Amino acid sequence: MRTRPIHPWPVRLTHWLNALGMVGMFMSGWGIYNASPIFAFSFPRGITLGGWLGGSIAWHLAVMWLLVINGLLYVLYGVFSRHFKRDLLPVSASAVKRDFLDALRFRLAHQHGRYNAVQRLSYWLVLALGVLVVLSGLAIWKPIQLQELTNVFGGYDFARIVHFSAMAGIGAFVVVHLLLVLLVPRTFLPMITGGRRESSHE
């Protein structure tokens, strides 16, 4: 038996850096999108970042490096501290189905500091979307120098669609994440303080 915080400080630090970075990434990305819309809509200028296309691109690239470095640190911590194995595994189809149905019926029990199967799956999916958004972003950023990568995504135009779709998926995750915090507000403070320590078997 030993004690540990619900959320260790590396998880909290990378979580809040990621939250800050995602705000900048979305707002600057919307500014870039508005310069050449993919679909028949654009984002209000007031929620974009950069002021013009060049400014939006500069912000987007700057925040990209913050998120990439932050993401790598999180992955390294998750692997070497066994955070991934301890908190995000296993994930089985039967457990996901069970917890998803319980959530729809508002019968899903919340254990402080424990992730249910739906949460575990969603975290793995958003990590995969993070990898996809970085790769598709590189394909858009350097379509000549990284033309092999751009070709993997079906060319520049389709790479833009993939990038936008991946970002939309991450945005949907953020919205659901915030809704869950509103539904279970006691989960918010431990992400700042680390929460109470609990006994656990390693």
N, C-alpha and C. Protein backbone atom coordinates (compact mmCIF):
# COMPACT_ATOMS: atom_id res chain seq x y z
N MET A 1 0.85 -1.20 0.00
CA MET A 1 0.00 0.00 0.00
C MET A 1 0.88 1.25 0.00
N ARG A 2 0.44 2.27 -0.75
CA ARG A 2 1.11 3.56 -0.67
C ARG A 2 0.11 4.64 -1.05
N THR A 3 0.43 5.87 -0.76
CA THR A 3 -0.48 6.97 -1.08
C THR A 3 0.03 7.72 -2.30
N ARG A 4 -0.90 8.32 -3.03
CA ARG A 4 -0.54 9.13 -4.19
C ARG A 4 -1.67 10.12 -4.45
N PRO A 5 -1.38 11.25 -5.07
CA PRO A 5 -2.44 12.22 -5.39
C PRO A 5 -3.35 11.67 -6.48
N ILE A 6 -4.56 12.15 -6.51
CA ILE A 6 -5.49 11.75 -7.57
C ILE A 6 -4.92 12.14 -8.93
N HIS A 7 -4.43 13.38 -9.02
CA HIS A 7 -3.80 13.86 -10.25
C HIS A 7 -2.39 14.35 -9.93
N PRO A 8 -1.34 13.59 -10.27
CA PRO A 8 0.04 14.04 -10.02
C PRO A 8 0.33 15.36 -10.72
N TRP A 9 1.33 16.09 -10.21
CA TRP A 9 1.59 17.43 -10.74
C TRP A 9 1.95 17.45 -12.24
N PRO A 10 2.66 16.43 -12.79
CA PRO A 10 2.92 16.50 -14.24
C PRO A 10 1.62 16.41 -15.06
N VAL A 11 0.65 15.64 -14.59
CA VAL A 11 -0.63 15.54 -15.28
C VAL A 11 -1.37 16.87 -15.22
N ARG A 12 -1.36 17.51 -14.03
CA ARG A 12 -2.04 18.80 -13.88
C ARG A 12 -1.37 19.88 -14.72
N LEU A 13 -0.04 19.92 -14.69
CA LEU A 13 0.68 20.95 -15.44
C LEU A 13 0.44 20.82 -16.93
N THR A 14 0.58 19.61 -17.47
CA THR A 14 0.38 19.42 -18.91
C THR A 14 -1.08 19.63 -19.30
N HIS A 15 -2.00 19.29 -18.39
CA HIS A 15 -3.42 19.50 -18.65
C HIS A 15 -3.72 20.98 -18.85
N TRP A 16 -3.23 21.85 -17.94
CA TRP A 16 -3.55 23.27 -18.03
C TRP A 16 -2.78 23.97 -19.14
N LEU A 17 -1.54 23.53 -19.41
CA LEU A 17 -0.82 24.08 -20.56
C LEU A 17 -1.54 23.71 -21.85
N ASN A 18 -2.06 22.49 -21.89
CA ASN A 18 -2.79 22.03 -23.06
C ASN A 18 -4.08 22.84 -23.24
N ALA A 19 -4.78 23.10 -22.13
CA ALA A 19 -6.02 23.88 -22.20
C ALA A 19 -5.74 25.28 -22.73
N LEU A 20 -4.68 25.92 -22.22
CA LEU A 20 -4.30 27.25 -22.69
C LEU A 20 -3.92 27.22 -24.16
N GLY A 21 -3.12 26.23 -24.55
CA GLY A 21 -2.68 26.12 -25.93
C GLY A 21 -3.83 25.87 -26.89
N MET A 22 -4.80 25.04 -26.46
CA MET A 22 -5.92 24.73 -27.35
C MET A 22 -6.76 25.96 -27.65
N VAL A 23 -6.92 26.85 -26.67
CA VAL A 23 -7.66 28.10 -26.92
C VAL A 23 -6.97 28.89 -28.03
N GLY A 24 -5.65 29.05 -27.91
CA GLY A 24 -4.91 29.77 -28.93
C GLY A 24 -4.93 29.06 -30.27
N MET A 25 -4.88 27.75 -30.25
CA MET A 25 -4.87 26.97 -31.48
C MET A 25 -6.20 27.08 -32.22
N PHE A 26 -7.30 26.97 -31.48
CA PHE A 26 -8.61 27.10 -32.11
C PHE A 26 -8.81 28.49 -32.69
N MET A 27 -8.52 29.52 -31.90
CA MET A 27 -8.78 30.89 -32.34
C MET A 27 -7.91 31.30 -33.53
N SER A 28 -6.63 30.92 -33.50
CA SER A 28 -5.77 31.24 -34.65
C SER A 28 -6.15 30.38 -35.85
N GLY A 29 -6.54 29.14 -35.61
CA GLY A 29 -6.97 28.26 -36.70
C GLY A 29 -8.21 28.78 -37.39
N TRP A 30 -9.13 29.33 -36.62
CA TRP A 30 -10.34 29.91 -37.22
C TRP A 30 -9.99 31.11 -38.10
N GLY A 31 -8.98 31.88 -37.68
CA GLY A 31 -8.54 33.00 -38.50
C GLY A 31 -7.95 32.53 -39.83
N ILE A 32 -7.16 31.46 -39.78
CA ILE A 32 -6.58 30.89 -41.00
C ILE A 32 -7.68 30.33 -41.90
N TYR A 33 -8.62 29.63 -41.28
CA TYR A 33 -9.74 29.05 -42.04
C TYR A 33 -10.52 30.14 -42.78
N ASN A 34 -10.78 31.26 -42.09
CA ASN A 34 -11.58 32.32 -42.70
C ASN A 34 -10.94 32.91 -43.96
N ALA A 35 -9.61 32.84 -44.05
CA ALA A 35 -8.91 33.37 -45.23
C ALA A 35 -9.21 32.55 -46.48
N SER A 36 -9.54 31.27 -46.29
CA SER A 36 -9.88 30.39 -47.41
C SER A 36 -10.79 29.28 -46.89
N PRO A 37 -12.08 29.59 -46.68
CA PRO A 37 -13.00 28.61 -46.08
C PRO A 37 -13.10 27.32 -46.87
N ILE A 38 -13.20 26.22 -46.14
CA ILE A 38 -13.38 24.91 -46.77
C ILE A 38 -14.86 24.66 -47.04
N PHE A 39 -15.69 25.07 -46.10
CA PHE A 39 -17.13 24.85 -46.20
C PHE A 39 -17.84 26.21 -46.34
N ALA A 40 -19.16 26.16 -46.43
CA ALA A 40 -19.93 27.37 -46.71
C ALA A 40 -20.25 28.16 -45.43
N PHE A 41 -19.25 28.38 -44.61
CA PHE A 41 -19.43 29.21 -43.43
C PHE A 41 -18.06 29.73 -43.00
N SER A 42 -18.07 30.76 -42.18
CA SER A 42 -16.84 31.29 -41.61
C SER A 42 -17.08 31.62 -40.15
N PHE A 43 -16.01 31.82 -39.41
CA PHE A 43 -16.10 32.09 -37.98
C PHE A 43 -16.13 33.60 -37.73
N PRO A 44 -16.88 34.04 -36.71
CA PRO A 44 -16.91 35.48 -36.40
C PRO A 44 -15.50 36.01 -36.14
N ARG A 45 -15.20 37.15 -36.68
CA ARG A 45 -13.86 37.73 -36.55
C ARG A 45 -13.47 37.94 -35.08
N GLY A 46 -14.46 38.22 -34.25
CA GLY A 46 -14.19 38.50 -32.85
C GLY A 46 -13.64 37.33 -32.06
N ILE A 47 -13.79 36.11 -32.55
CA ILE A 47 -13.28 34.94 -31.83
C ILE A 47 -12.04 34.35 -32.51
N THR A 48 -11.46 35.11 -33.44
CA THR A 48 -10.23 34.67 -34.09
C THR A 48 -9.04 35.37 -33.45
N LEU A 49 -7.86 34.85 -33.72
CA LEU A 49 -6.63 35.39 -33.14
C LEU A 49 -5.62 35.69 -34.25
N GLY A 50 -5.03 36.86 -34.20
CA GLY A 50 -4.00 37.21 -35.17
C GLY A 50 -4.29 38.45 -35.98
N GLY A 51 -5.59 38.74 -36.19
CA GLY A 51 -5.97 39.97 -36.88
C GLY A 51 -5.98 39.87 -38.40
N TRP A 52 -5.08 39.08 -38.96
CA TRP A 52 -5.02 38.87 -40.42
C TRP A 52 -4.36 37.52 -40.65
N LEU A 53 -4.32 37.08 -41.90
CA LEU A 53 -3.84 35.73 -42.18
C LEU A 53 -2.43 35.50 -41.66
N GLY A 54 -1.51 36.42 -41.94
CA GLY A 54 -0.13 36.24 -41.49
C GLY A 54 -0.03 36.18 -39.97
N GLY A 55 -0.79 37.03 -39.29
CA GLY A 55 -0.78 37.03 -37.84
C GLY A 55 -1.36 35.74 -37.27
N SER A 56 -2.43 35.25 -37.88
CA SER A 56 -3.04 34.00 -37.43
C SER A 56 -2.09 32.82 -37.61
N ILE A 57 -1.38 32.80 -38.75
CA ILE A 57 -0.42 31.72 -39.00
C ILE A 57 0.71 31.77 -37.98
N ALA A 58 1.20 32.99 -37.67
CA ALA A 58 2.28 33.13 -36.69
C ALA A 58 1.86 32.60 -35.33
N TRP A 59 0.66 32.97 -34.89
CA TRP A 59 0.15 32.48 -33.61
C TRP A 59 -0.02 30.96 -33.65
N HIS A 60 -0.55 30.44 -34.76
CA HIS A 60 -0.82 29.01 -34.89
C HIS A 60 0.47 28.21 -34.77
N LEU A 61 1.53 28.66 -35.43
CA LEU A 61 2.80 27.93 -35.39
C LEU A 61 3.44 28.03 -34.01
N ALA A 62 3.34 29.20 -33.38
CA ALA A 62 3.93 29.36 -32.05
C ALA A 62 3.24 28.44 -31.04
N VAL A 63 1.91 28.43 -31.07
CA VAL A 63 1.16 27.58 -30.13
C VAL A 63 1.35 26.11 -30.48
N MET A 64 1.54 25.81 -31.77
CA MET A 64 1.78 24.43 -32.16
C MET A 64 2.98 23.84 -31.43
N TRP A 65 4.07 24.60 -31.34
CA TRP A 65 5.27 24.09 -30.68
C TRP A 65 5.02 23.87 -29.20
N LEU A 66 4.26 24.77 -28.58
CA LEU A 66 3.91 24.58 -27.17
C LEU A 66 3.15 23.27 -26.98
N LEU A 67 2.18 23.02 -27.84
CA LEU A 67 1.35 21.82 -27.71
C LEU A 67 2.14 20.55 -28.03
N VAL A 68 2.99 20.62 -29.03
CA VAL A 68 3.79 19.43 -29.39
C VAL A 68 4.74 19.06 -28.26
N ILE A 69 5.46 20.04 -27.72
CA ILE A 69 6.39 19.77 -26.63
C ILE A 69 5.64 19.31 -25.39
N ASN A 70 4.54 19.98 -25.09
CA ASN A 70 3.72 19.59 -23.94
C ASN A 70 3.17 18.18 -24.11
N GLY A 71 2.72 17.86 -25.32
CA GLY A 71 2.19 16.52 -25.59
C GLY A 71 3.24 15.44 -25.45
N LEU A 72 4.45 15.72 -25.94
CA LEU A 72 5.54 14.75 -25.82
C LEU A 72 5.91 14.51 -24.35
N LEU A 73 5.94 15.60 -23.57
CA LEU A 73 6.24 15.45 -22.14
C LEU A 73 5.17 14.61 -21.45
N TYR A 74 3.90 14.83 -21.83
CA TYR A 74 2.81 14.06 -21.23
C TYR A 74 2.91 12.58 -21.59
N VAL A 75 3.22 12.30 -22.85
CA VAL A 75 3.33 10.90 -23.28
C VAL A 75 4.51 10.22 -22.58
N LEU A 76 5.64 10.91 -22.49
CA LEU A 76 6.80 10.33 -21.80
C LEU A 76 6.48 10.06 -20.34
N TYR A 77 5.83 11.02 -19.70
CA TYR A 77 5.44 10.82 -18.30
C TYR A 77 4.46 9.65 -18.18
N GLY A 78 3.47 9.60 -19.10
CA GLY A 78 2.47 8.55 -19.05
C GLY A 78 3.05 7.16 -19.20
N VAL A 79 4.09 7.05 -20.02
CA VAL A 79 4.73 5.74 -20.23
C VAL A 79 5.61 5.36 -19.05
N PHE A 80 6.52 6.26 -18.66
CA PHE A 80 7.53 5.90 -17.66
C PHE A 80 7.00 5.91 -16.22
N SER A 81 5.92 6.66 -15.98
CA SER A 81 5.33 6.64 -14.63
C SER A 81 4.25 5.57 -14.50
N ARG A 82 3.94 4.92 -15.62
CA ARG A 82 2.88 3.91 -15.69
C ARG A 82 1.49 4.53 -15.53
N HIS A 83 1.39 5.83 -15.74
CA HIS A 83 0.09 6.51 -15.68
C HIS A 83 -0.88 5.93 -16.70
N PHE A 84 -0.39 5.70 -17.91
CA PHE A 84 -1.26 5.13 -18.94
C PHE A 84 -1.74 3.74 -18.55
N LYS A 85 -0.82 2.90 -18.12
CA LYS A 85 -1.18 1.53 -17.77
C LYS A 85 -2.08 1.48 -16.55
N ARG A 86 -1.79 2.33 -15.56
CA ARG A 86 -2.52 2.29 -14.30
C ARG A 86 -3.91 2.92 -14.43
N ASP A 87 -4.01 4.06 -15.15
CA ASP A 87 -5.25 4.82 -15.16
C ASP A 87 -6.06 4.72 -16.44
N LEU A 88 -5.44 4.43 -17.58
CA LEU A 88 -6.15 4.44 -18.86
C LEU A 88 -6.29 3.07 -19.50
N LEU A 89 -5.86 2.03 -18.82
CA LEU A 89 -6.00 0.67 -19.31
C LEU A 89 -6.56 -0.21 -18.19
N PRO A 90 -7.26 -1.30 -18.54
CA PRO A 90 -7.60 -1.76 -19.89
C PRO A 90 -8.84 -1.05 -20.44
N VAL A 91 -9.05 -1.20 -21.75
CA VAL A 91 -10.26 -0.69 -22.40
C VAL A 91 -10.85 -1.83 -23.22
N SER A 92 -12.02 -2.30 -22.84
CA SER A 92 -12.66 -3.40 -23.57
C SER A 92 -13.98 -2.92 -24.14
N ALA A 93 -14.40 -3.54 -25.24
CA ALA A 93 -15.65 -3.16 -25.90
C ALA A 93 -16.84 -3.36 -24.96
N SER A 94 -16.83 -4.45 -24.21
CA SER A 94 -17.95 -4.73 -23.32
C SER A 94 -18.04 -3.69 -22.20
N ALA A 95 -16.89 -3.28 -21.67
CA ALA A 95 -16.90 -2.28 -20.60
C ALA A 95 -17.34 -0.92 -21.13
N VAL A 96 -16.89 -0.57 -22.33
CA VAL A 96 -17.30 0.70 -22.94
C VAL A 96 -18.81 0.71 -23.17
N LYS A 97 -19.34 -0.38 -23.70
CA LYS A 97 -20.79 -0.48 -23.95
C LYS A 97 -21.56 -0.36 -22.65
N ARG A 98 -21.12 -1.07 -21.61
CA ARG A 98 -21.80 -1.04 -20.31
C ARG A 98 -21.81 0.37 -19.72
N ASP A 99 -20.64 1.01 -19.69
CA ASP A 99 -20.56 2.33 -19.09
C ASP A 99 -21.27 3.39 -19.92
N PHE A 100 -21.25 3.22 -21.24
CA PHE A 100 -21.96 4.16 -22.12
C PHE A 100 -23.46 4.10 -21.88
N LEU A 101 -24.00 2.88 -21.78
CA LEU A 101 -25.43 2.73 -21.53
C LEU A 101 -25.80 3.24 -20.14
N ASP A 102 -24.95 3.00 -19.17
CA ASP A 102 -25.19 3.52 -17.82
C ASP A 102 -25.19 5.05 -17.82
N ALA A 103 -24.30 5.64 -18.61
CA ALA A 103 -24.23 7.10 -18.69
C ALA A 103 -25.50 7.67 -19.31
N LEU A 104 -26.01 7.00 -20.35
CA LEU A 104 -27.24 7.45 -20.99
C LEU A 104 -28.42 7.41 -20.03
N ARG A 105 -28.39 6.45 -19.11
CA ARG A 105 -29.47 6.32 -18.11
C ARG A 105 -29.19 7.13 -16.85
N PHE A 106 -28.08 7.88 -16.86
CA PHE A 106 -27.65 8.66 -15.69
C PHE A 106 -27.45 7.76 -14.47
N ARG A 107 -26.94 6.56 -14.71
CA ARG A 107 -26.68 5.60 -13.63
C ARG A 107 -25.20 5.30 -13.47
N LEU A 108 -24.37 6.04 -14.19
CA LEU A 108 -22.94 5.77 -14.15
C LEU A 108 -22.35 6.33 -12.87
N ALA A 109 -21.83 5.45 -12.03
CA ALA A 109 -21.24 5.89 -10.76
C ALA A 109 -19.89 6.54 -11.04
N HIS A 110 -19.62 7.63 -10.33
CA HIS A 110 -18.33 8.31 -10.48
C HIS A 110 -17.47 8.04 -9.26
N GLN A 111 -16.34 7.36 -9.50
CA GLN A 111 -15.39 7.10 -8.43
C GLN A 111 -14.27 8.13 -8.52
N HIS A 112 -14.07 8.87 -7.44
CA HIS A 112 -13.08 9.94 -7.44
C HIS A 112 -11.69 9.40 -7.78
N GLY A 113 -11.10 9.95 -8.84
CA GLY A 113 -9.76 9.52 -9.23
C GLY A 113 -9.72 8.27 -10.07
N ARG A 114 -10.89 7.76 -10.47
CA ARG A 114 -10.95 6.56 -11.30
C ARG A 114 -11.64 6.89 -12.62
N TYR A 115 -11.06 6.46 -13.74
CA TYR A 115 -11.65 6.68 -15.05
C TYR A 115 -12.51 5.49 -15.42
N ASN A 116 -13.74 5.76 -15.90
CA ASN A 116 -14.56 4.66 -16.41
C ASN A 116 -14.12 4.32 -17.83
N ALA A 117 -14.71 3.26 -18.39
CA ALA A 117 -14.26 2.77 -19.69
C ALA A 117 -14.48 3.79 -20.81
N VAL A 118 -15.58 4.53 -20.75
CA VAL A 118 -15.85 5.54 -21.78
C VAL A 118 -14.81 6.66 -21.71
N GLN A 119 -14.47 7.07 -20.50
CA GLN A 119 -13.43 8.09 -20.34
C GLN A 119 -12.10 7.60 -20.86
N ARG A 120 -11.74 6.36 -20.54
CA ARG A 120 -10.47 5.81 -21.01
C ARG A 120 -10.41 5.79 -22.53
N LEU A 121 -11.49 5.32 -23.15
CA LEU A 121 -11.52 5.28 -24.62
C LEU A 121 -11.43 6.68 -25.20
N SER A 122 -12.15 7.64 -24.62
CA SER A 122 -12.15 9.00 -25.15
C SER A 122 -10.76 9.63 -25.05
N TYR A 123 -10.02 9.33 -23.97
CA TYR A 123 -8.66 9.88 -23.84
C TYR A 123 -7.73 9.29 -24.89
N TRP A 124 -7.87 8.00 -25.17
CA TRP A 124 -7.03 7.39 -26.21
C TRP A 124 -7.40 7.96 -27.59
N LEU A 125 -8.70 8.18 -27.81
CA LEU A 125 -9.13 8.73 -29.11
C LEU A 125 -8.62 10.15 -29.30
N VAL A 126 -8.65 10.96 -28.23
CA VAL A 126 -8.20 12.34 -28.39
C VAL A 126 -6.68 12.40 -28.56
N LEU A 127 -5.96 11.45 -27.96
CA LEU A 127 -4.52 11.37 -28.21
C LEU A 127 -4.25 11.03 -29.68
N ALA A 128 -5.04 10.10 -30.23
CA ALA A 128 -4.89 9.73 -31.64
C ALA A 128 -5.23 10.92 -32.54
N LEU A 129 -6.27 11.67 -32.18
CA LEU A 129 -6.62 12.87 -32.95
C LEU A 129 -5.51 13.91 -32.88
N GLY A 130 -4.85 13.98 -31.72
CA GLY A 130 -3.73 14.91 -31.58
C GLY A 130 -2.60 14.59 -32.54
N VAL A 131 -2.30 13.30 -32.68
CA VAL A 131 -1.26 12.87 -33.63
C VAL A 131 -1.70 13.20 -35.06
N LEU A 132 -2.97 12.92 -35.36
CA LEU A 132 -3.49 13.17 -36.70
C LEU A 132 -3.48 14.65 -37.04
N VAL A 133 -3.83 15.50 -36.08
CA VAL A 133 -3.88 16.94 -36.36
C VAL A 133 -2.47 17.50 -36.56
N VAL A 134 -1.48 16.96 -35.86
CA VAL A 134 -0.10 17.41 -36.05
C VAL A 134 0.41 16.99 -37.43
N LEU A 135 0.19 15.73 -37.80
CA LEU A 135 0.67 15.24 -39.09
C LEU A 135 -0.01 15.96 -40.26
N SER A 136 -1.32 16.11 -40.17
CA SER A 136 -2.03 16.81 -41.25
C SER A 136 -1.64 18.28 -41.28
N GLY A 137 -1.37 18.87 -40.11
CA GLY A 137 -0.93 20.26 -40.06
C GLY A 137 0.43 20.44 -40.72
N LEU A 138 1.35 19.50 -40.48
CA LEU A 138 2.65 19.55 -41.14
C LEU A 138 2.50 19.41 -42.65
N ALA A 139 1.57 18.56 -43.09
CA ALA A 139 1.34 18.38 -44.52
C ALA A 139 0.83 19.65 -45.17
N ILE A 140 0.05 20.44 -44.43
CA ILE A 140 -0.46 21.71 -44.94
C ILE A 140 0.61 22.80 -44.89
N TRP A 141 1.38 22.79 -43.81
CA TRP A 141 2.39 23.82 -43.59
C TRP A 141 3.53 23.73 -44.61
N LYS A 142 3.99 22.51 -44.90
CA LYS A 142 5.11 22.30 -45.83
C LYS A 142 4.72 21.29 -46.92
N PRO A 143 3.76 21.66 -47.79
CA PRO A 143 3.28 20.70 -48.79
C PRO A 143 4.32 20.31 -49.84
N ILE A 144 5.34 21.16 -50.04
CA ILE A 144 6.39 20.82 -51.01
C ILE A 144 7.49 20.02 -50.34
N GLN A 145 8.02 20.57 -49.24
CA GLN A 145 9.10 19.88 -48.53
C GLN A 145 8.65 18.52 -47.99
N LEU A 146 7.39 18.43 -47.58
CA LEU A 146 6.85 17.18 -47.02
C LEU A 146 5.78 16.60 -47.94
N GLN A 147 6.07 16.62 -49.24
CA GLN A 147 5.07 16.21 -50.21
C GLN A 147 4.65 14.75 -50.06
N GLU A 148 5.58 13.89 -49.59
CA GLU A 148 5.21 12.49 -49.37
C GLU A 148 4.12 12.39 -48.30
N LEU A 149 4.29 13.17 -47.22
CA LEU A 149 3.28 13.19 -46.17
C LEU A 149 1.98 13.78 -46.68
N THR A 150 2.07 14.86 -47.45
CA THR A 150 0.87 15.48 -48.01
C THR A 150 0.13 14.49 -48.90
N ASN A 151 0.88 13.71 -49.67
CA ASN A 151 0.26 12.71 -50.56
C ASN A 151 -0.45 11.61 -49.77
N VAL A 152 0.07 11.29 -48.58
CA VAL A 152 -0.57 10.28 -47.72
C VAL A 152 -1.99 10.73 -47.37
N PHE A 153 -2.16 12.04 -47.22
CA PHE A 153 -3.47 12.60 -46.88
C PHE A 153 -4.31 12.91 -48.12
N GLY A 154 -3.87 12.48 -49.27
CA GLY A 154 -4.65 12.67 -50.49
C GLY A 154 -4.48 14.03 -51.13
N GLY A 155 -3.37 14.71 -50.82
CA GLY A 155 -3.12 16.02 -51.40
C GLY A 155 -3.44 17.15 -50.43
N TYR A 156 -3.04 18.36 -50.82
CA TYR A 156 -3.16 19.52 -49.95
C TYR A 156 -4.60 19.80 -49.54
N ASP A 157 -5.51 19.80 -50.51
CA ASP A 157 -6.90 20.16 -50.22
C ASP A 157 -7.54 19.17 -49.25
N PHE A 158 -7.30 17.87 -49.48
CA PHE A 158 -7.90 16.88 -48.58
C PHE A 158 -7.23 16.89 -47.22
N ALA A 159 -5.92 17.22 -47.19
CA ALA A 159 -5.22 17.33 -45.91
C ALA A 159 -5.85 18.43 -45.06
N ARG A 160 -6.31 19.51 -45.70
CA ARG A 160 -7.00 20.58 -44.97
C ARG A 160 -8.29 20.07 -44.35
N ILE A 161 -9.02 19.24 -45.07
CA ILE A 161 -10.27 18.67 -44.55
C ILE A 161 -9.97 17.75 -43.36
N VAL A 162 -8.92 16.93 -43.51
CA VAL A 162 -8.53 16.03 -42.42
C VAL A 162 -8.15 16.85 -41.19
N HIS A 163 -7.37 17.91 -41.40
CA HIS A 163 -6.93 18.76 -40.29
C HIS A 163 -8.12 19.41 -39.59
N PHE A 164 -9.04 19.94 -40.39
CA PHE A 164 -10.22 20.59 -39.83
C PHE A 164 -11.08 19.58 -39.06
N SER A 165 -11.25 18.38 -39.63
CA SER A 165 -12.07 17.35 -39.00
C SER A 165 -11.46 16.87 -37.69
N ALA A 166 -10.13 16.71 -37.68
CA ALA A 166 -9.46 16.29 -36.45
C ALA A 166 -9.59 17.35 -35.37
N MET A 167 -9.44 18.61 -35.76
CA MET A 167 -9.61 19.69 -34.79
C MET A 167 -11.05 19.75 -34.28
N ALA A 168 -12.01 19.48 -35.17
CA ALA A 168 -13.42 19.46 -34.75
C ALA A 168 -13.65 18.33 -33.75
N GLY A 169 -13.00 17.18 -33.98
CA GLY A 169 -13.11 16.07 -33.04
C GLY A 169 -12.55 16.43 -31.68
N ILE A 170 -11.41 17.10 -31.67
CA ILE A 170 -10.81 17.55 -30.41
C ILE A 170 -11.73 18.57 -29.74
N GLY A 171 -12.31 19.46 -30.54
CA GLY A 171 -13.24 20.44 -29.99
C GLY A 171 -14.45 19.78 -29.35
N ALA A 172 -14.97 18.73 -29.99
CA ALA A 172 -16.11 18.00 -29.43
C ALA A 172 -15.72 17.35 -28.10
N PHE A 173 -14.50 16.81 -28.03
CA PHE A 173 -14.01 16.23 -26.78
C PHE A 173 -13.97 17.29 -25.68
N VAL A 174 -13.47 18.48 -26.02
CA VAL A 174 -13.38 19.57 -25.03
C VAL A 174 -14.77 19.95 -24.52
N VAL A 175 -15.74 20.05 -25.43
CA VAL A 175 -17.11 20.41 -25.03
C VAL A 175 -17.69 19.37 -24.08
N VAL A 176 -17.55 18.09 -24.43
CA VAL A 176 -18.07 17.01 -23.58
C VAL A 176 -17.34 17.03 -22.23
N HIS A 177 -16.03 17.24 -22.28
CA HIS A 177 -15.23 17.30 -21.06
C HIS A 177 -15.74 18.39 -20.12
N LEU A 178 -16.01 19.57 -20.66
CA LEU A 178 -16.51 20.68 -19.85
C LEU A 178 -17.90 20.40 -19.31
N LEU A 179 -18.75 19.77 -20.12
CA LEU A 179 -20.09 19.41 -19.66
C LEU A 179 -20.04 18.43 -18.49
N LEU A 180 -19.11 17.47 -18.56
CA LEU A 180 -18.97 16.51 -17.47
C LEU A 180 -18.48 17.18 -16.20
N VAL A 181 -17.59 18.16 -16.35
CA VAL A 181 -17.13 18.91 -15.18
C VAL A 181 -18.29 19.67 -14.54
N LEU A 182 -19.17 20.24 -15.37
CA LEU A 182 -20.34 20.94 -14.85
C LEU A 182 -21.29 19.98 -14.14
N LEU A 183 -21.42 18.76 -14.69
CA LEU A 183 -22.30 17.77 -14.08
C LEU A 183 -21.72 17.21 -12.78
N VAL A 184 -20.38 17.09 -12.73
CA VAL A 184 -19.71 16.57 -11.53
C VAL A 184 -18.66 17.59 -11.10
N PRO A 185 -19.07 18.71 -10.53
CA PRO A 185 -18.13 19.82 -10.26
C PRO A 185 -17.03 19.48 -9.27
N ARG A 186 -17.22 18.45 -8.45
CA ARG A 186 -16.18 18.13 -7.47
C ARG A 186 -14.91 17.59 -8.12
N THR A 187 -14.97 17.31 -9.43
CA THR A 187 -13.77 16.84 -10.14
C THR A 187 -12.85 17.98 -10.54
N PHE A 188 -13.33 19.23 -10.43
CA PHE A 188 -12.54 20.37 -10.91
C PHE A 188 -11.37 20.71 -10.00
N LEU A 189 -11.63 20.85 -8.70
CA LEU A 189 -10.60 21.30 -7.77
C LEU A 189 -9.38 20.37 -7.73
N PRO A 190 -9.57 19.02 -7.74
CA PRO A 190 -8.39 18.15 -7.72
C PRO A 190 -7.45 18.34 -8.91
N MET A 191 -7.98 18.85 -10.04
CA MET A 191 -7.11 19.10 -11.18
C MET A 191 -6.24 20.33 -10.96
N ILE A 192 -6.54 21.10 -9.94
CA ILE A 192 -5.71 22.24 -9.56
C ILE A 192 -4.80 21.89 -8.39
N THR A 193 -5.37 21.26 -7.38
CA THR A 193 -4.64 20.98 -6.14
C THR A 193 -3.98 19.61 -6.12
N GLY A 194 -4.44 18.70 -6.96
CA GLY A 194 -3.96 17.32 -6.92
C GLY A 194 -4.92 16.41 -6.20
N GLY A 195 -5.77 17.00 -5.36
CA GLY A 195 -6.77 16.20 -4.66
C GLY A 195 -6.21 15.46 -3.47
N ARG A 196 -7.10 14.80 -2.76
CA ARG A 196 -6.70 14.03 -1.58
C ARG A 196 -5.88 12.83 -2.00
N ARG A 197 -5.00 12.42 -1.15
CA ARG A 197 -4.24 11.21 -1.41
C ARG A 197 -5.06 10.00 -1.01
N GLU A 198 -4.93 8.92 -1.76
CA GLU A 198 -5.69 7.73 -1.47
C GLU A 198 -4.75 6.52 -1.45
N SER A 199 -5.08 5.54 -0.65
CA SER A 199 -4.27 4.33 -0.61
C SER A 199 -4.56 3.49 -1.84
N SER A 200 -3.51 2.89 -2.37
CA SER A 200 -3.70 2.06 -3.58
C SER A 200 -2.61 1.02 -3.67
N HIS A 201 -2.92 -0.08 -4.33
CA HIS A 201 -1.92 -1.11 -4.62
C HIS A 201 -1.25 -0.76 -5.95
N GLU A 202 0.03 -0.87 -6.02
CA GLU A 202 0.73 -0.62 -7.27
C GLU A 202 0.96 -1.96 -7.99
